[in-house]
Amino acid sequence: MEDKELIRRCQFGEKAAFQELISLYHPFVFRFLVKLTESNQLSEDLAQDVFLKVIRNIDKFDIGGKATFSTYLMTIAKNTYIDYLRKEKKLAVFDPLEHAFRKDEIISGFEDSAVDRIYSQNIMEQFEYLTEEQRTAIKLKYVEGLTLKEIGEMLQVEPKTVKSRIHNGIAKLKKILIRGEKDDGSF
């Protein structure tokens, strides 16, 4: 009940209520963002963006609705992080082969490296054919290293839904890549 009253006070423009709201929820948002970014500075910057959005849009939050304020807040945090990734074009540079090689710390020869780059570039081009949900789930799993449970919490879906999005996305990529090999022999 206290949260609802605090939010109501914020919706009426009470500055002290905004300060109280930020003090109450900042640690929660900050920890969530640190887990995603692995950077305290970036997380602090993104947290500031999150709370600016909350302040600007607090009147849109339905106190009597189904969603809790923490769910509303985490949705804004998640979207702010995804917007940051898009802005920095980090989704576009996802390289599953680079990730695999970095993980195993294998240093390839020049020829292997050239083939890998061509293959990776083709994967990235085909990555655009996946749905936004599939791209996000795959990126969070394989680039950010989050668990299915963590991704589910972030995206507000069940872990099995995340697993399905990843599985279907990878299956779609495989189909596209296999078809590409047969169609144009570019590999």
Protein backbone atom coordinates (compact mmCIF):
# COMPACT_ATOMS: atom_id res chain seq x y z
CA MET A 1 0.00 0.00 0.00
CA GLU A 2 2.88 2.36 0.73
CA ASP A 3 4.13 2.10 -2.86
CA LYS A 4 0.73 3.04 -4.24
CA GLU A 5 0.55 6.10 -2.04
CA LEU A 6 4.10 7.09 -2.98
CA ILE A 7 3.30 6.70 -6.68
CA ARG A 8 0.09 8.67 -6.26
CA ARG A 9 2.11 11.49 -4.67
CA CYS A 10 4.54 11.35 -7.61
CA GLN A 11 1.65 11.54 -10.05
CA PHE A 12 0.59 14.75 -8.33
CA GLY A 13 4.08 16.14 -8.94
CA GLU A 14 5.41 16.06 -5.39
CA LYS A 15 9.21 16.39 -5.67
CA ALA A 16 9.90 14.78 -2.30
CA ALA A 17 7.92 11.73 -3.41
CA PHE A 18 10.06 11.40 -6.55
CA GLN A 19 13.22 11.54 -4.44
CA GLU A 20 11.81 8.89 -2.11
CA LEU A 21 10.82 6.69 -5.06
CA ILE A 22 14.29 6.94 -6.59
CA SER A 23 15.98 6.22 -3.25
CA LEU A 24 13.76 3.19 -2.77
CA TYR A 25 14.14 1.64 -6.23
CA HIS A 26 17.55 2.82 -7.45
CA PRO A 27 19.52 -0.06 -5.86
CA PHE A 28 17.17 -2.61 -7.44
CA VAL A 29 17.45 -1.06 -10.92
CA PHE A 30 21.20 -0.54 -10.60
CA ARG A 31 21.86 -4.19 -9.64
CA PHE A 32 19.69 -5.38 -12.53
CA LEU A 33 21.61 -3.20 -15.00
CA VAL A 34 25.02 -4.17 -13.60
CA LYS A 35 24.13 -7.81 -14.18
CA LEU A 36 23.40 -6.98 -17.83
CA THR A 37 26.21 -4.52 -18.56
CA GLU A 38 28.94 -5.66 -16.16
CA SER A 39 29.82 -1.97 -15.83
CA ASN A 40 29.03 0.20 -12.82
CA GLN A 41 29.45 3.44 -14.78
CA LEU A 42 27.24 2.35 -17.68
CA SER A 43 24.67 0.96 -15.25
CA GLU A 44 24.57 4.26 -13.38
CA ASP A 45 24.08 6.17 -16.64
CA LEU A 46 21.31 3.82 -17.75
CA ALA A 47 19.67 3.95 -14.29
CA GLN A 48 19.53 7.74 -14.58
CA ASP A 49 17.85 7.36 -17.98
CA VAL A 50 15.39 4.87 -16.48
CA PHE A 51 14.37 7.23 -13.69
CA LEU A 52 14.07 10.19 -16.09
CA LYS A 53 11.64 8.09 -18.14
CA VAL A 54 9.77 7.09 -14.99
CA ILE A 55 9.46 10.71 -13.88
CA ARG A 56 8.26 11.82 -17.32
CA ASN A 57 5.75 8.98 -17.61
CA ILE A 58 4.63 8.36 -14.01
CA ASP A 59 1.15 9.60 -14.86
CA LYS A 60 0.78 6.69 -17.31
CA PHE A 61 1.22 4.10 -14.57
CA ASP A 62 -2.15 2.68 -13.51
CA ILE A 63 -2.06 2.31 -9.73
CA GLY A 64 -5.14 0.10 -9.77
CA GLY A 65 -3.93 -2.03 -12.69
CA LYS A 66 -2.58 -5.57 -12.71
CA ALA A 67 1.10 -4.66 -13.07
CA THR A 68 3.12 -3.86 -9.99
CA PHE A 69 5.29 -0.78 -10.00
CA SER A 70 8.44 -2.93 -9.86
CA THR A 71 7.30 -4.76 -13.03
CA TYR A 72 6.63 -1.41 -14.72
CA LEU A 73 10.05 -0.14 -13.61
CA MET A 74 11.91 -3.25 -14.77
CA THR A 75 10.20 -3.08 -18.15
CA ILE A 76 11.49 0.47 -18.54
CA ALA A 77 14.97 -0.66 -17.42
CA LYS A 78 14.95 -3.57 -19.89
CA ASN A 79 13.80 -1.34 -22.75
CA THR A 80 16.38 1.31 -21.86
CA TYR A 81 19.12 -1.33 -21.99
CA ILE A 82 17.87 -2.69 -25.33
CA ASP A 83 17.71 0.87 -26.71
CA TYR A 84 21.30 1.38 -25.57
CA LEU A 85 22.38 -1.80 -27.37
CA ARG A 86 20.66 -0.70 -30.55
CA LYS A 87 22.20 2.74 -30.32
CA GLU A 88 25.65 1.27 -29.84
CA LYS A 89 24.94 -1.25 -32.61
CA LYS A 90 25.96 -4.06 -30.32
CA LEU A 91 23.20 -6.29 -31.62
CA ALA A 92 24.59 -5.89 -35.12
CA VAL A 93 28.08 -7.05 -34.16
CA PHE A 94 27.00 -10.30 -32.52
CA ASP A 95 29.47 -12.87 -33.80
CA PRO A 96 28.72 -16.40 -32.58
CA LEU A 97 31.95 -17.77 -34.06
CA GLU A 98 34.06 -15.12 -32.35
CA HIS A 99 32.30 -15.97 -29.10
CA ALA A 100 33.04 -19.67 -29.55
CA PHE A 101 36.70 -19.08 -30.40
CA ARG A 102 37.17 -16.61 -27.56
CA LYS A 103 35.63 -19.11 -25.17
CA ASP A 104 38.03 -21.86 -26.19
CA GLU A 105 40.92 -19.42 -26.73
CA ILE A 106 41.78 -21.00 -30.07
CA ILE A 107 43.99 -18.99 -32.36
CA SER A 108 43.24 -19.88 -35.97
CA GLY A 109 45.55 -19.53 -38.93
CA PHE A 110 45.04 -16.74 -41.45
CA GLU A 111 43.00 -18.91 -43.85
CA ASP A 112 40.74 -20.20 -41.11
CA SER A 113 40.29 -16.66 -39.85
CA ALA A 114 39.26 -15.41 -43.29
CA VAL A 115 36.74 -18.24 -43.70
CA ASP A 116 35.40 -17.54 -40.22
CA ARG A 117 34.91 -13.86 -41.02
CA ILE A 118 33.02 -14.65 -44.23
CA TYR A 119 30.87 -17.20 -42.41
CA SER A 120 30.25 -14.81 -39.49
CA GLN A 121 29.28 -11.99 -41.83
CA ASN A 122 26.75 -14.29 -43.53
CA ILE A 123 25.33 -15.32 -40.15
CA MET A 124 24.95 -11.66 -39.17
CA GLU A 125 23.15 -10.86 -42.41
CA GLN A 126 20.76 -13.75 -41.81
CA PHE A 127 20.32 -12.78 -38.14
CA GLU A 128 18.09 -9.95 -39.37
CA TYR A 129 15.52 -12.51 -40.57
CA LEU A 130 14.81 -13.60 -37.00
CA THR A 131 12.06 -12.01 -34.97
CA GLU A 132 13.02 -9.29 -32.48
CA GLU A 133 12.19 -11.73 -29.65
CA GLN A 134 14.49 -14.40 -31.10
CA ARG A 135 17.37 -11.96 -31.69
CA THR A 136 17.06 -10.54 -28.17
CA ALA A 137 16.90 -13.97 -26.49
CA ILE A 138 19.87 -15.31 -28.46
CA LYS A 139 21.91 -12.18 -27.78
CA LEU A 140 21.16 -12.22 -24.05
CA LYS A 141 21.99 -15.93 -23.82
CA TYR A 142 25.13 -16.16 -25.93
CA VAL A 143 26.62 -12.67 -25.80
CA GLU A 144 25.58 -11.49 -22.35
CA GLY A 145 25.80 -14.98 -20.84
CA LEU A 146 22.51 -14.80 -18.95
CA THR A 147 20.65 -17.91 -17.85
CA LEU A 148 17.22 -18.78 -19.22
CA LYS A 149 15.73 -17.81 -15.86
CA GLU A 150 17.46 -14.40 -15.88
CA ILE A 151 16.37 -13.73 -19.45
CA GLY A 152 12.83 -14.79 -18.58
CA GLU A 153 12.75 -12.38 -15.64
CA MET A 154 14.10 -9.58 -17.80
CA LEU A 155 11.65 -10.17 -20.65
CA GLN A 156 8.82 -11.12 -18.29
CA VAL A 157 8.25 -14.53 -19.87
CA GLU A 158 8.73 -18.09 -18.66
CA PRO A 159 12.21 -19.63 -19.06
CA LYS A 160 10.70 -22.29 -21.33
CA THR A 161 9.47 -19.48 -23.63
CA VAL A 162 13.01 -18.09 -23.75
CA LYS A 163 14.36 -21.57 -24.53
CA SER A 164 11.81 -21.94 -27.32
CA ARG A 165 12.70 -18.54 -28.82
CA ILE A 166 16.38 -19.42 -28.80
CA HIS A 167 15.78 -22.91 -30.23
CA ASN A 168 13.46 -21.64 -32.97
CA GLY A 169 15.79 -18.76 -33.82
CA ILE A 170 18.82 -21.03 -34.16
CA ALA A 171 16.81 -23.56 -36.18
CA LYS A 172 15.68 -20.77 -38.50
CA LEU A 173 19.28 -19.54 -38.89
CA LYS A 174 20.45 -23.06 -39.72
CA LYS A 175 17.74 -23.46 -42.37
CA ILE A 176 18.56 -20.10 -43.94
CA LEU A 177 22.30 -20.81 -43.94
CA ILE A 178 21.92 -24.32 -45.36
CA ARG A 179 19.60 -23.02 -48.07
CA GLY A 180 22.13 -20.26 -48.82
CA GLU A 181 24.95 -22.79 -49.20
CA LYS A 182 22.90 -24.83 -51.68
CA ASP A 183 21.54 -21.81 -53.58
CA ASP A 184 24.61 -19.72 -54.18
CA GLY A 185 27.59 -21.75 -53.05
CA SER A 186 28.95 -18.70 -51.28
CA PHE A 187 30.64 -20.76 -48.58
